[in-house]
Amino acid sequence: MNIFLVFLTLGVIFFVYKIIKSKKSRNLKLEKFKNKHQSTQTNIERIFLREDEKTFSNPNINIYIGNYDDEDNINRKSNIHRARLSKFKKSRLNGEMIFQDEEQRIYKINNGKKVYL
């Protein structure tokens, strides 16, 4: 009877060990990849990327750079503005339409006259 209890105990321990081991991730890189793409932070970043693409593709959408924007946000917005200037030769920044001529000079139109910046 004691031998039967020993084998039964060892069997239960072995079974529990197999269950715990099977739940462990065999491929840590795969688990990390899954977790990264299922996180809410990644979904938020995707939304911002889509918004940036929409802003980049239309030079008439206003880009507002405020006093309280952080440095990364200002850099991102200014890069979008510069890219729109080089692609479309115009971009709206803080409510003003800014243009770029053939000689790469930047100007805005004020009262029908070009004002170079």
PDB file of N, CA and C in Angstrom:
ATOM      1  N   MET A   1       0.806  -1.186   0.000  1.00  0.00           N
ATOM      2  CA  MET A   1       0.000   0.000   0.000  1.00  0.00           C
ATOM      3  C   MET A   1       0.857   1.260   0.000  1.00  0.00           C
ATOM      4  N   ASN A   2       1.973   1.228   0.746  1.00  0.00           N
ATOM      5  CA  ASN A   2       2.874   2.380   0.792  1.00  0.00           C
ATOM      6  C   ASN A   2       3.496   2.642  -0.572  1.00  0.00           C
ATOM      7  N   ILE A   3       3.821   1.587  -1.293  1.00  0.00           N
ATOM      8  CA  ILE A   3       4.411   1.732  -2.632  1.00  0.00           C
ATOM      9  C   ILE A   3       3.384   2.376  -3.568  1.00  0.00           C
ATOM     10  N   PHE A   4       2.146   1.963  -3.467  1.00  0.00           N
ATOM     11  CA  PHE A   4       1.080   2.541  -4.280  1.00  0.00           C
ATOM     12  C   PHE A   4       0.930   4.032  -3.993  1.00  0.00           C
ATOM     13  N   LEU A   5       0.960   4.451  -2.754  1.00  0.00           N
ATOM     14  CA  LEU A   5       0.859   5.870  -2.394  1.00  0.00           C
ATOM     15  C   LEU A   5       2.061   6.659  -2.889  1.00  0.00           C
ATOM     16  N   VAL A   6       3.247   6.067  -2.842  1.00  0.00           N
ATOM     17  CA  VAL A   6       4.454   6.730  -3.340  1.00  0.00           C
ATOM     18  C   VAL A   6       4.334   6.956  -4.838  1.00  0.00           C
ATOM     19  N   PHE A   7       3.942   5.928  -5.592  1.00  0.00           N
ATOM     20  CA  PHE A   7       3.784   6.067  -7.038  1.00  0.00           C
ATOM     21  C   PHE A   7       2.664   7.047  -7.381  1.00  0.00           C
ATOM     22  N   LEU A   8       1.602   7.023  -6.630  1.00  0.00           N
ATOM     23  CA  LEU A   8       0.505   7.962  -6.856  1.00  0.00           C
ATOM     24  C   LEU A   8       0.955   9.394  -6.605  1.00  0.00           C
ATOM     25  N   THR A   9       1.695   9.634  -5.540  1.00  0.00           N
ATOM     26  CA  THR A   9       2.214  10.960  -5.225  1.00  0.00           C
ATOM     27  C   THR A   9       3.187  11.426  -6.309  1.00  0.00           C
ATOM     28  N   LEU A  10       4.100  10.550  -6.734  1.00  0.00           N
ATOM     29  CA  LEU A  10       5.042  10.899  -7.798  1.00  0.00           C
ATOM     30  C   LEU A  10       4.308  11.186  -9.108  1.00  0.00           C
ATOM     31  N   GLY A  11       3.260  10.412  -9.394  1.00  0.00           N
ATOM     32  CA  GLY A  11       2.469  10.641 -10.605  1.00  0.00           C
ATOM     33  C   GLY A  11       1.787  11.997 -10.582  1.00  0.00           C
ATOM     34  N   VAL A  12       1.217  12.361  -9.433  1.00  0.00           N
ATOM     35  CA  VAL A  12       0.552  13.660  -9.304  1.00  0.00           C
ATOM     36  C   VAL A  12       1.563  14.791  -9.442  1.00  0.00           C
ATOM     37  N   ILE A  13       2.722  14.645  -8.807  1.00  0.00           N
ATOM     38  CA  ILE A  13       3.770  15.676  -8.913  1.00  0.00           C
ATOM     39  C   ILE A  13       4.231  15.809 -10.358  1.00  0.00           C
ATOM     40  N   PHE A  14       4.430  14.689 -11.043  1.00  0.00           N
ATOM     41  CA  PHE A  14       4.857  14.709 -12.448  1.00  0.00           C
ATOM     42  C   PHE A  14       3.789  15.374 -13.318  1.00  0.00           C
ATOM     43  N   PHE A  15       2.534  15.074 -13.095  1.00  0.00           N
ATOM     44  CA  PHE A  15       1.433  15.653 -13.862  1.00  0.00           C
ATOM     45  C   PHE A  15       1.360  17.165 -13.659  1.00  0.00           C
ATOM     46  N   VAL A  16       1.473  17.615 -12.413  1.00  0.00           N
ATOM     47  CA  VAL A  16       1.454  19.052 -12.113  1.00  0.00           C
ATOM     48  C   VAL A  16       2.657  19.741 -12.749  1.00  0.00           C
ATOM     49  N   TYR A  17       3.829  19.112 -12.714  1.00  0.00           N
ATOM     50  CA  TYR A  17       5.042  19.665 -13.327  1.00  0.00           C
ATOM     51  C   TYR A  17       4.847  19.835 -14.833  1.00  0.00           C
ATOM     52  N   LYS A  18       4.250  18.843 -15.493  1.00  0.00           N
ATOM     53  CA  LYS A  18       4.019  18.934 -16.935  1.00  0.00           C
ATOM     54  C   LYS A  18       3.040  20.060 -17.269  1.00  0.00           C
ATOM     55  N   ILE A  19       2.021  20.229 -16.468  1.00  0.00           N
ATOM     56  CA  ILE A  19       1.044  21.292 -16.711  1.00  0.00           C
ATOM     57  C   ILE A  19       1.708  22.658 -16.570  1.00  0.00           C
ATOM     58  N   ILE A  20       2.492  22.848 -15.532  1.00  0.00           N
ATOM     59  CA  ILE A  20       3.181  24.130 -15.310  1.00  0.00           C
ATOM     60  C   ILE A  20       4.167  24.387 -16.427  1.00  0.00           C
ATOM     61  N   LYS A  21       4.917  23.382 -16.830  1.00  0.00           N
ATOM     62  CA  LYS A  21       5.919  23.553 -17.883  1.00  0.00           C
ATOM     63  C   LYS A  21       5.265  23.853 -19.225  1.00  0.00           C
ATOM     64  N   SER A  22       4.119  23.251 -19.511  1.00  0.00           N
ATOM     65  CA  SER A  22       3.453  23.480 -20.794  1.00  0.00           C
ATOM     66  C   SER A  22       2.896  24.899 -20.877  1.00  0.00           C
ATOM     67  N   LYS A  23       2.552  25.510 -19.734  1.00  0.00           N
ATOM     68  CA  LYS A  23       2.039  26.875 -19.744  1.00  0.00           C
ATOM     69  C   LYS A  23       3.142  27.897 -19.944  1.00  0.00           C
ATOM     70  N   LYS A  24       4.385  27.518 -19.667  1.00  0.00           N
ATOM     71  CA  LYS A  24       5.491  28.434 -19.880  1.00  0.00           C
ATOM     72  C   LYS A  24       5.683  28.641 -21.373  1.00  0.00           C
ATOM     73  N   SER A  25       6.052  29.817 -21.729  1.00  0.00           N
ATOM     74  CA  SER A  25       6.276  30.135 -23.131  1.00  0.00           C
ATOM     75  C   SER A  25       7.538  29.439 -23.627  1.00  0.00           C
ATOM     76  N   ARG A  26       7.415  28.712 -24.688  1.00  0.00           N
ATOM     77  CA  ARG A  26       8.582  28.044 -25.259  1.00  0.00           C
ATOM     78  C   ARG A  26       9.430  29.018 -26.056  1.00  0.00           C
ATOM     79  N   ASN A  27       8.784  29.988 -26.660  1.00  0.00           N
ATOM     80  CA  ASN A  27       9.519  30.957 -27.455  1.00  0.00           C
ATOM     81  C   ASN A  27       9.266  32.344 -26.870  1.00  0.00           C
ATOM     82  N   LEU A  28      10.217  32.849 -26.131  1.00  0.00           N
ATOM     83  CA  LEU A  28      10.029  34.137 -25.458  1.00  0.00           C
ATOM     84  C   LEU A  28       9.902  35.287 -26.445  1.00  0.00           C
ATOM     85  N   LYS A  29      10.613  35.208 -27.566  1.00  0.00           N
ATOM     86  CA  LYS A  29      10.524  36.279 -28.565  1.00  0.00           C
ATOM     87  C   LYS A  29       9.127  36.344 -29.174  1.00  0.00           C
ATOM     88  N   LEU A  30       8.543  35.176 -29.420  1.00  0.00           N
ATOM     89  CA  LEU A  30       7.188  35.140 -29.959  1.00  0.00           C
ATOM     90  C   LEU A  30       6.186  35.718 -28.968  1.00  0.00           C
ATOM     91  N   GLU A  31       6.321  35.380 -27.710  1.00  0.00           N
ATOM     92  CA  GLU A  31       5.427  35.925 -26.675  1.00  0.00           C
ATOM     93  C   GLU A  31       5.588  37.438 -26.552  1.00  0.00           C
ATOM     94  N   LYS A  32       6.817  37.912 -26.614  1.00  0.00           N
ATOM     95  CA  LYS A  32       7.078  39.353 -26.530  1.00  0.00           C
ATOM     96  C   LYS A  32       6.441  40.076 -27.721  1.00  0.00           C
ATOM     97  N   PHE A  33       6.565  39.476 -28.912  1.00  0.00           N
ATOM     98  CA  PHE A  33       5.962  40.046 -30.114  1.00  0.00           C
ATOM     99  C   PHE A  33       4.440  40.111 -29.987  1.00  0.00           C
ATOM    100  N   LYS A  34       3.823  39.034 -29.523  1.00  0.00           N
ATOM    101  CA  LYS A  34       2.371  39.004 -29.345  1.00  0.00           C
ATOM    102  C   LYS A  34       1.920  40.064 -28.347  1.00  0.00           C
ATOM    103  N   ASN A  35       2.602  40.125 -27.226  1.00  0.00           N
ATOM    104  CA  ASN A  35       2.221  41.087 -26.191  1.00  0.00           C
ATOM    105  C   ASN A  35       2.373  42.518 -26.674  1.00  0.00           C
ATOM    106  N   LYS A  36       3.404  42.775 -27.465  1.00  0.00           N
ATOM    107  CA  LYS A  36       3.632  44.132 -27.962  1.00  0.00           C
ATOM    108  C   LYS A  36       2.504  44.562 -28.884  1.00  0.00           C
ATOM    109  N   HIS A  37       2.079  43.678 -29.763  1.00  0.00           N
ATOM    110  CA  HIS A  37       1.062  44.045 -30.741  1.00  0.00           C
ATOM    111  C   HIS A  37      -0.356  43.934 -30.218  1.00  0.00           C
ATOM    112  N   GLN A  38      -0.531  43.401 -29.037  1.00  0.00           N
ATOM    113  CA  GLN A  38      -1.852  43.350 -28.448  1.00  0.00           C
ATOM    114  C   GLN A  38      -2.035  44.390 -27.356  1.00  0.00           C
ATOM    115  N   SER A  39      -1.010  45.155 -27.055  1.00  0.00           N
ATOM    116  CA  SER A  39      -1.111  46.115 -25.965  1.00  0.00           C
ATOM    117  C   SER A  39      -1.897  47.347 -26.398  1.00  0.00           C
ATOM    118  N   THR A  40      -2.464  48.037 -25.449  1.00  0.00           N
ATOM    119  CA  THR A  40      -3.222  49.247 -25.752  1.00  0.00           C
ATOM    120  C   THR A  40      -2.303  50.375 -26.195  1.00  0.00           C
ATOM    121  N   GLN A  41      -1.061  50.378 -25.706  1.00  0.00           N
ATOM    122  CA  GLN A  41      -0.115  51.409 -26.121  1.00  0.00           C
ATOM    123  C   GLN A  41       0.157  51.315 -27.622  1.00  0.00           C
ATOM    124  N   THR A  42       0.296  50.111 -28.138  1.00  0.00           N
ATOM    125  CA  THR A  42       0.520  49.925 -29.566  1.00  0.00           C
ATOM    126  C   THR A  42      -0.691  50.390 -30.364  1.00  0.00           C
ATOM    127  N   ASN A  43      -1.885  50.111 -29.876  1.00  0.00           N
ATOM    128  CA  ASN A  43      -3.090  50.569 -30.565  1.00  0.00           C
ATOM    129  C   ASN A  43      -3.170  52.087 -30.586  1.00  0.00           C
ATOM    130  N   ILE A  44      -2.791  52.726 -29.498  1.00  0.00           N
ATOM    131  CA  ILE A  44      -2.783  54.192 -29.452  1.00  0.00           C
ATOM    132  C   ILE A  44      -1.761  54.743 -30.440  1.00  0.00           C
ATOM    133  N   GLU A  45      -0.584  54.127 -30.519  1.00  0.00           N
ATOM    134  CA  GLU A  45       0.439  54.573 -31.468  1.00  0.00           C
ATOM    135  C   GLU A  45      -0.044  54.418 -32.900  1.00  0.00           C
ATOM    136  N   ARG A  46      -0.768  53.342 -33.192  1.00  0.00           N
ATOM    137  CA  ARG A  46      -1.312  53.148 -34.545  1.00  0.00           C
ATOM    138  C   ARG A  46      -2.303  54.244 -34.893  1.00  0.00           C
ATOM    139  N   ILE A  47      -3.127  54.640 -33.945  1.00  0.00           N
ATOM    140  CA  ILE A  47      -4.097  55.712 -34.189  1.00  0.00           C
ATOM    141  C   ILE A  47      -3.357  57.011 -34.507  1.00  0.00           C
ATOM    142  N   PHE A  48      -2.304  57.316 -33.731  1.00  0.00           N
ATOM    143  CA  PHE A  48      -1.538  58.531 -33.997  1.00  0.00           C
ATOM    144  C   PHE A  48      -0.843  58.463 -35.346  1.00  0.00           C
ATOM    145  N   LEU A  49      -0.342  57.294 -35.743  1.00  0.00           N
ATOM    146  CA  LEU A  49       0.298  57.165 -37.050  1.00  0.00           C
ATOM    147  C   LEU A  49      -0.696  57.408 -38.176  1.00  0.00           C
ATOM    148  N   ARG A  50      -1.907  56.883 -38.035  1.00  0.00           N
ATOM    149  CA  ARG A  50      -2.927  57.126 -39.060  1.00  0.00           C
ATOM    150  C   ARG A  50      -3.283  58.611 -39.125  1.00  0.00           C
ATOM    151  N   GLU A  51      -3.358  59.255 -37.974  1.00  0.00           N
ATOM    152  CA  GLU A  51      -3.658  60.690 -37.940  1.00  0.00           C
ATOM    153  C   GLU A  51      -2.525  61.480 -38.596  1.00  0.00           C
ATOM    154  N   ASP A  52      -1.280  61.088 -38.333  1.00  0.00           N
ATOM    155  CA  ASP A  52      -0.132  61.752 -38.963  1.00  0.00           C
ATOM    156  C   ASP A  52      -0.139  61.557 -40.470  1.00  0.00           C
ATOM    157  N   GLU A  53      -0.489  60.362 -40.944  1.00  0.00           N
ATOM    158  CA  GLU A  53      -0.553  60.110 -42.381  1.00  0.00           C
ATOM    159  C   GLU A  53      -1.628  60.969 -43.030  1.00  0.00           C
ATOM    160  N   LYS A  54      -2.770  61.098 -42.358  1.00  0.00           N
ATOM    161  CA  LYS A  54      -3.847  61.937 -42.895  1.00  0.00           C
ATOM    162  C   LYS A  54      -3.398  63.395 -42.947  1.00  0.00           C
ATOM    163  N   THR A  55      -2.737  63.855 -41.908  1.00  0.00           N
ATOM    164  CA  THR A  55      -2.235  65.230 -41.871  1.00  0.00           C
ATOM    165  C   THR A  55      -1.165  65.449 -42.928  1.00  0.00           C
ATOM    166  N   PHE A  56      -0.302  64.466 -43.118  1.00  0.00           N
ATOM    167  CA  PHE A  56       0.773  64.591 -44.105  1.00  0.00           C
ATOM    168  C   PHE A  56       0.229  64.655 -45.523  1.00  0.00           C
ATOM    169  N   SER A  57      -0.844  63.928 -45.797  1.00  0.00           N
ATOM    170  CA  SER A  57      -1.341  63.836 -47.171  1.00  0.00           C
ATOM    171  C   SER A  57      -2.170  65.043 -47.599  1.00  0.00           C
ATOM    172  N   ASN A  58      -2.525  65.927 -46.690  1.00  0.00           N
ATOM    173  CA  ASN A  58      -3.335  67.093 -47.037  1.00  0.00           C
ATOM    174  C   ASN A  58      -2.676  68.358 -46.481  1.00  0.00           C
ATOM    175  N   PRO A  59      -2.115  69.214 -47.345  1.00  0.00           N
ATOM    176  CA  PRO A  59      -1.431  70.415 -46.849  1.00  0.00           C
ATOM    177  C   PRO A  59      -2.373  71.484 -46.312  1.00  0.00           C
ATOM    178  N   ASN A  60      -3.679  71.338 -46.527  1.00  0.00           N
ATOM    179  CA  ASN A  60      -4.633  72.332 -46.040  1.00  0.00           C
ATOM    180  C   ASN A  60      -5.070  72.086 -44.598  1.00  0.00           C
ATOM    181  N   ILE A  61      -4.717  70.937 -44.031  1.00  0.00           N
ATOM    182  CA  ILE A  61      -5.030  70.667 -42.630  1.00  0.00           C
ATOM    183  C   ILE A  61      -4.063  71.469 -41.767  1.00  0.00           C
ATOM    184  N   ASN A  62      -4.618  72.182 -40.797  1.00  0.00           N
ATOM    185  CA  ASN A  62      -3.799  73.036 -39.947  1.00  0.00           C
ATOM    186  C   ASN A  62      -3.004  72.210 -38.940  1.00  0.00           C
ATOM    187  N   ILE A  63      -1.719  72.530 -38.815  1.00  0.00           N
ATOM    188  CA  ILE A  63      -0.873  71.955 -37.770  1.00  0.00           C
ATOM    189  C   ILE A  63      -0.680  73.052 -36.734  1.00  0.00           C
ATOM    190  N   TYR A  64      -1.136  72.797 -35.535  1.00  0.00           N
ATOM    191  CA  TYR A  64      -1.017  73.786 -34.466  1.00  0.00           C
ATOM    192  C   TYR A  64       0.109  73.370 -33.526  1.00  0.00           C
ATOM    193  N   ILE A  65       1.095  74.242 -33.394  1.00  0.00           N
ATOM    194  CA  ILE A  65       2.181  74.032 -32.441  1.00  0.00           C
ATOM    195  C   ILE A  65       1.977  75.034 -31.314  1.00  0.00           C
ATOM    196  N   GLY A  66       1.636  74.515 -30.151  1.00  0.00           N
ATOM    197  CA  GLY A  66       1.328  75.367 -29.007  1.00  0.00           C
ATOM    198  C   GLY A  66       2.526  75.567 -28.097  1.00  0.00           C
ATOM    199  N   ASN A  67       2.365  76.471 -27.154  1.00  0.00           N
ATOM    200  CA  ASN A  67       3.437  76.768 -26.202  1.00  0.00           C
ATOM    201  C   ASN A  67       3.708  75.617 -25.258  1.00  0.00           C
ATOM    202  N   TYR A  68       2.707  74.804 -25.000  1.00  0.00           N
ATOM    203  CA  TYR A  68       2.850  73.760 -23.994  1.00  0.00           C
ATOM    204  C   TYR A  68       3.075  72.371 -24.595  1.00  0.00           C
ATOM    205  N   ASP A  69       3.323  72.281 -25.902  1.00  0.00           N
ATOM    206  CA  ASP A  69       3.651  70.995 -26.518  1.00  0.00           C
ATOM    207  C   ASP A  69       5.035  70.561 -26.064  1.00  0.00           C
ATOM    208  N   ASP A  70       5.191  69.255 -25.873  1.00  0.00           N
ATOM    209  CA  ASP A  70       6.511  68.763 -25.487  1.00  0.00           C
ATOM    210  C   ASP A  70       7.421  68.677 -26.723  1.00  0.00           C
ATOM    211  N   GLU A  71       8.697  68.477 -26.489  1.00  0.00           N
ATOM    212  CA  GLU A  71       9.690  68.556 -27.556  1.00  0.00           C
ATOM    213  C   GLU A  71       9.465  67.505 -28.638  1.00  0.00           C
ATOM    214  N   ASP A  72       9.109  66.291 -28.263  1.00  0.00           N
ATOM    215  CA  ASP A  72       8.870  65.237 -29.248  1.00  0.00           C
ATOM    216  C   ASP A  72       7.685  65.575 -30.140  1.00  0.00           C
ATOM    217  N   ASN A  73       6.651  66.118 -29.554  1.00  0.00           N
ATOM    218  CA  ASN A  73       5.466  66.494 -30.317  1.00  0.00           C
ATOM    219  C   ASN A  73       5.779  67.645 -31.277  1.00  0.00           C
ATOM    220  N   ILE A  74       6.552  68.606 -30.827  1.00  0.00           N
ATOM    221  CA  ILE A  74       6.946  69.722 -31.692  1.00  0.00           C
ATOM    222  C   ILE A  74       7.798  69.217 -32.847  1.00  0.00           C
ATOM    223  N   ASN A  75       8.736  68.319 -32.575  1.00  0.00           N
ATOM    224  CA  ASN A  75       9.572  67.760 -33.638  1.00  0.00           C
ATOM    225  C   ASN A  75       8.742  66.993 -34.665  1.00  0.00           C
ATOM    226  N   ARG A  76       7.788  66.204 -34.185  1.00  0.00           N
ATOM    227  CA  ARG A  76       6.936  65.430 -35.086  1.00  0.00           C
ATOM    228  C   ARG A  76       6.117  66.355 -35.978  1.00  0.00           C
ATOM    229  N   LYS A  77       5.513  67.380 -35.374  1.00  0.00           N
ATOM    230  CA  LYS A  77       4.689  68.315 -36.147  1.00  0.00           C
ATOM    231  C   LYS A  77       5.531  69.122 -37.135  1.00  0.00           C
ATOM    232  N   SER A  78       6.714  69.562 -36.717  1.00  0.00           N
ATOM    233  CA  SER A  78       7.547  70.342 -37.635  1.00  0.00           C
ATOM    234  C   SER A  78       8.074  69.468 -38.775  1.00  0.00           C
ATOM    235  N   ASN A  79       8.334  68.199 -38.509  1.00  0.00           N
ATOM    236  CA  ASN A  79       8.762  67.302 -39.588  1.00  0.00           C
ATOM    237  C   ASN A  79       7.645  67.082 -40.601  1.00  0.00           C
ATOM    238  N   ILE A  80       6.419  66.955 -40.122  1.00  0.00           N
ATOM    239  CA  ILE A  80       5.276  66.830 -41.037  1.00  0.00           C
ATOM    240  C   ILE A  80       5.142  68.102 -41.857  1.00  0.00           C
ATOM    241  N   HIS A  81       5.292  69.248 -41.221  1.00  0.00           N
ATOM    242  CA  HIS A  81       5.190  70.537 -41.920  1.00  0.00           C
ATOM    243  C   HIS A  81       6.264  70.651 -42.999  1.00  0.00           C
ATOM    244  N   ARG A  82       7.509  70.322 -42.664  1.00  0.00           N
ATOM    245  CA  ARG A  82       8.594  70.397 -43.655  1.00  0.00           C
ATOM    246  C   ARG A  82       8.381  69.418 -44.802  1.00  0.00           C
ATOM    247  N   ALA A  83       7.880  68.230 -44.483  1.00  0.00           N
ATOM    248  CA  ALA A  83       7.633  67.239 -45.537  1.00  0.00           C
ATOM    249  C   ALA A  83       6.527  67.709 -46.480  1.00  0.00           C
ATOM    250  N   ARG A  84       5.484  68.331 -45.928  1.00  0.00           N
ATOM    251  CA  ARG A  84       4.415  68.854 -46.783  1.00  0.00           C
ATOM    252  C   ARG A  84       4.918  70.000 -47.640  1.00  0.00           C
ATOM    253  N   LEU A  85       5.782  70.840 -47.081  1.00  0.00           N
ATOM    254  CA  LEU A  85       6.349  71.931 -47.887  1.00  0.00           C
ATOM    255  C   LEU A  85       7.155  71.379 -49.054  1.00  0.00           C
ATOM    256  N   SER A  86       7.962  70.376 -48.813  1.00  0.00           N
ATOM    257  CA  SER A  86       8.788  69.856 -49.896  1.00  0.00           C
ATOM    258  C   SER A  86       7.960  69.076 -50.914  1.00  0.00           C
ATOM    259  N   LYS A  87       6.880  68.436 -50.491  1.00  0.00           N
ATOM    260  CA  LYS A  87       6.073  67.646 -51.416  1.00  0.00           C
ATOM    261  C   LYS A  87       5.045  68.490 -52.167  1.00  0.00           C
ATOM    262  N   PHE A  88       4.286  69.313 -51.436  1.00  0.00           N
ATOM    263  CA  PHE A  88       3.188  70.067 -52.037  1.00  0.00           C
ATOM    264  C   PHE A  88       3.522  71.534 -52.292  1.00  0.00           C
ATOM    265  N   LYS A  89       4.667  71.993 -51.793  1.00  0.00           N
ATOM    266  CA  LYS A  89       5.095  73.395 -51.904  1.00  0.00           C
ATOM    267  C   LYS A  89       4.190  74.342 -51.119  1.00  0.00           C
ATOM    268  N   LYS A  90       3.380  73.785 -50.210  1.00  0.00           N
ATOM    269  CA  LYS A  90       2.562  74.617 -49.318  1.00  0.00           C
ATOM    270  C   LYS A  90       2.179  73.787 -48.107  1.00  0.00           C
ATOM    271  N   SER A  91       1.909  74.485 -46.998  1.00  0.00           N
ATOM    272  CA  SER A  91       1.493  73.822 -45.776  1.00  0.00           C
ATOM    273  C   SER A  91       0.881  74.847 -44.838  1.00  0.00           C
ATOM    274  N   ARG A  92      -0.157  74.426 -44.105  1.00  0.00           N
ATOM    275  CA  ARG A  92      -0.803  75.324 -43.146  1.00  0.00           C
ATOM    276  C   ARG A  92      -0.225  75.046 -41.759  1.00  0.00           C
ATOM    277  N   LEU A  93       0.355  76.086 -41.147  1.00  0.00           N
ATOM    278  CA  LEU A  93       0.952  75.978 -39.830  1.00  0.00           C
ATOM    279  C   LEU A  93       0.409  77.083 -38.950  1.00  0.00           C
ATOM    280  N   ASN A  94      -0.196  76.729 -37.822  1.00  0.00           N
ATOM    281  CA  ASN A  94      -0.786  77.685 -36.874  1.00  0.00           C
ATOM    282  C   ASN A  94      -1.741  78.662 -37.558  1.00  0.00           C
ATOM    283  N   GLY A  95      -2.531  78.160 -38.503  1.00  0.00           N
ATOM    284  CA  GLY A  95      -3.549  78.972 -39.154  1.00  0.00           C
ATOM    285  C   GLY A  95      -3.068  79.784 -40.339  1.00  0.00           C
ATOM    286  N   GLU A  96      -1.776  79.789 -40.652  1.00  0.00           N
ATOM    287  CA  GLU A  96      -1.246  80.543 -41.788  1.00  0.00           C
ATOM    288  C   GLU A  96      -0.746  79.574 -42.851  1.00  0.00           C
ATOM    289  N   MET A  97      -1.089  79.869 -44.115  1.00  0.00           N
ATOM    290  CA  MET A  97      -0.602  79.053 -45.214  1.00  0.00           C
ATOM    291  C   MET A  97       0.801  79.533 -45.566  1.00  0.00           C
ATOM    292  N   ILE A  98       1.733  78.598 -45.558  1.00  0.00           N
ATOM    293  CA  ILE A  98       3.130  78.901 -45.862  1.00  0.00           C
ATOM    294  C   ILE A  98       3.491  78.177 -47.145  1.00  0.00           C
ATOM    295  N   PHE A  99       4.204  78.878 -48.031  1.00  0.00           N
ATOM    296  CA  PHE A  99       4.544  78.347 -49.343  1.00  0.00           C
ATOM    297  C   PHE A  99       6.056  78.226 -49.496  1.00  0.00           C
ATOM    298  N   GLN A 100       6.462  77.451 -50.513  1.00  0.00           N
ATOM    299  CA  GLN A 100       7.877  77.312 -50.849  1.00  0.00           C
ATOM    300  C   GLN A 100       7.995  77.502 -52.359  1.00  0.00           C
ATOM    301  N   ASP A 101       8.907  78.388 -52.781  1.00  0.00           N
ATOM    302  CA  ASP A 101       9.053  78.623 -54.211  1.00  0.00           C
ATOM    303  C   ASP A 101      10.097  77.685 -54.820  1.00  0.00           C
ATOM    304  N   GLU A 102      10.381  77.889 -56.110  1.00  0.00           N
ATOM    305  CA  GLU A 102      11.303  77.012 -56.840  1.00  0.00           C
ATOM    306  C   GLU A 102      12.723  77.084 -56.296  1.00  0.00           C
ATOM    307  N   GLU A 103      13.080  78.191 -55.683  1.00  0.00           N
ATOM    308  CA  GLU A 103      14.429  78.372 -55.139  1.00  0.00           C
ATOM    309  C   GLU A 103      14.511  77.960 -53.672  1.00  0.00           C
ATOM    310  N   GLN A 104      13.531  77.211 -53.207  1.00  0.00           N
ATOM    311  CA  GLN A 104      13.463  76.687 -51.836  1.00  0.00           C
ATOM    312  C   GLN A 104      13.312  77.774 -50.777  1.00  0.00           C
ATOM    313  N   ARG A 105      12.889  78.968 -51.170  1.00  0.00           N
ATOM    314  CA  ARG A 105      12.644  80.030 -50.205  1.00  0.00           C
ATOM    315  C   ARG A 105      11.222  79.901 -49.675  1.00  0.00           C
ATOM    316  N   ILE A 106      11.051  80.191 -48.397  1.00  0.00           N
ATOM    317  CA  ILE A 106       9.759  80.034 -47.738  1.00  0.00           C
ATOM    318  C   ILE A 106       9.122  81.405 -47.555  1.00  0.00           C
ATOM    319  N   TYR A 107       7.832  81.482 -47.909  1.00  0.00           N
ATOM    320  CA  TYR A 107       7.125  82.752 -47.791  1.00  0.00           C
ATOM    321  C   TYR A 107       5.671  82.501 -47.431  1.00  0.00           C
ATOM    322  N   LYS A 108       5.004  83.589 -47.029  1.00  0.00           N
ATOM    323  CA  LYS A 108       3.558  83.573 -46.842  1.00  0.00           C
ATOM    324  C   LYS A 108       2.995  84.788 -47.550  1.00  0.00           C
ATOM    325  N   ILE A 109       1.727  84.745 -47.852  1.00  0.00           N
ATOM    326  CA  ILE A 109       1.090  85.849 -48.575  1.00  0.00           C
ATOM    327  C   ILE A 109       0.320  86.686 -47.570  1.00  0.00           C
ATOM    328  N   ASN A 110       0.663  87.968 -47.521  1.00  0.00           N
ATOM    329  CA  ASN A 110       0.026  88.918 -46.598  1.00  0.00           C
ATOM    330  C   ASN A 110      -0.457  90.099 -47.418  1.00  0.00           C
ATOM    331  N   ASN A 111      -1.778  90.296 -47.460  1.00  0.00           N
ATOM    332  CA  ASN A 111      -2.410  91.379 -48.235  1.00  0.00           C
ATOM    333  C   ASN A 111      -2.014  91.334 -49.692  1.00  0.00           C
ATOM    334  N   GLY A 112      -1.932  90.140 -50.270  1.00  0.00           N
ATOM    335  CA  GLY A 112      -1.629  89.977 -51.692  1.00  0.00           C
ATOM    336  C   GLY A 112      -0.139  90.081 -52.016  1.00  0.00           C
ATOM    337  N   LYS A 113       0.729  90.239 -51.039  1.00  0.00           N
ATOM    338  CA  LYS A 113       2.173  90.357 -51.283  1.00  0.00           C
ATOM    339  C   LYS A 113       2.887  89.196 -50.622  1.00  0.00           C
ATOM    340  N   LYS A 114       3.967  88.751 -51.269  1.00  0.00           N
ATOM    341  CA  LYS A 114       4.782  87.696 -50.695  1.00  0.00           C
ATOM    342  C   LYS A 114       5.665  88.260 -49.589  1.00  0.00           C
ATOM    343  N   VAL A 115       5.617  87.644 -48.444  1.00  0.00           N
ATOM    344  CA  VAL A 115       6.470  88.023 -47.324  1.00  0.00           C
ATOM    345  C   VAL A 115       7.373  86.819 -47.045  1.00  0.00           C
ATOM    346  N   TYR A 116       8.675  86.968 -47.361  1.00  0.00           N
ATOM    347  CA  TYR A 116       9.611  85.860 -47.162  1.00  0.00           C
ATOM    348  C   TYR A 116       9.981  85.738 -45.690  1.00  0.00           C
ATOM    349  N   LEU A 117      10.069  84.525 -45.237  1.00  0.00           N
ATOM    350  CA  LEU A 117      10.379  84.265 -43.835  1.00  0.00           C
ATOM    351  C   LEU A 117      11.841  83.911 -43.662  1.00  0.00           C
TER     352      LEU A 117
END
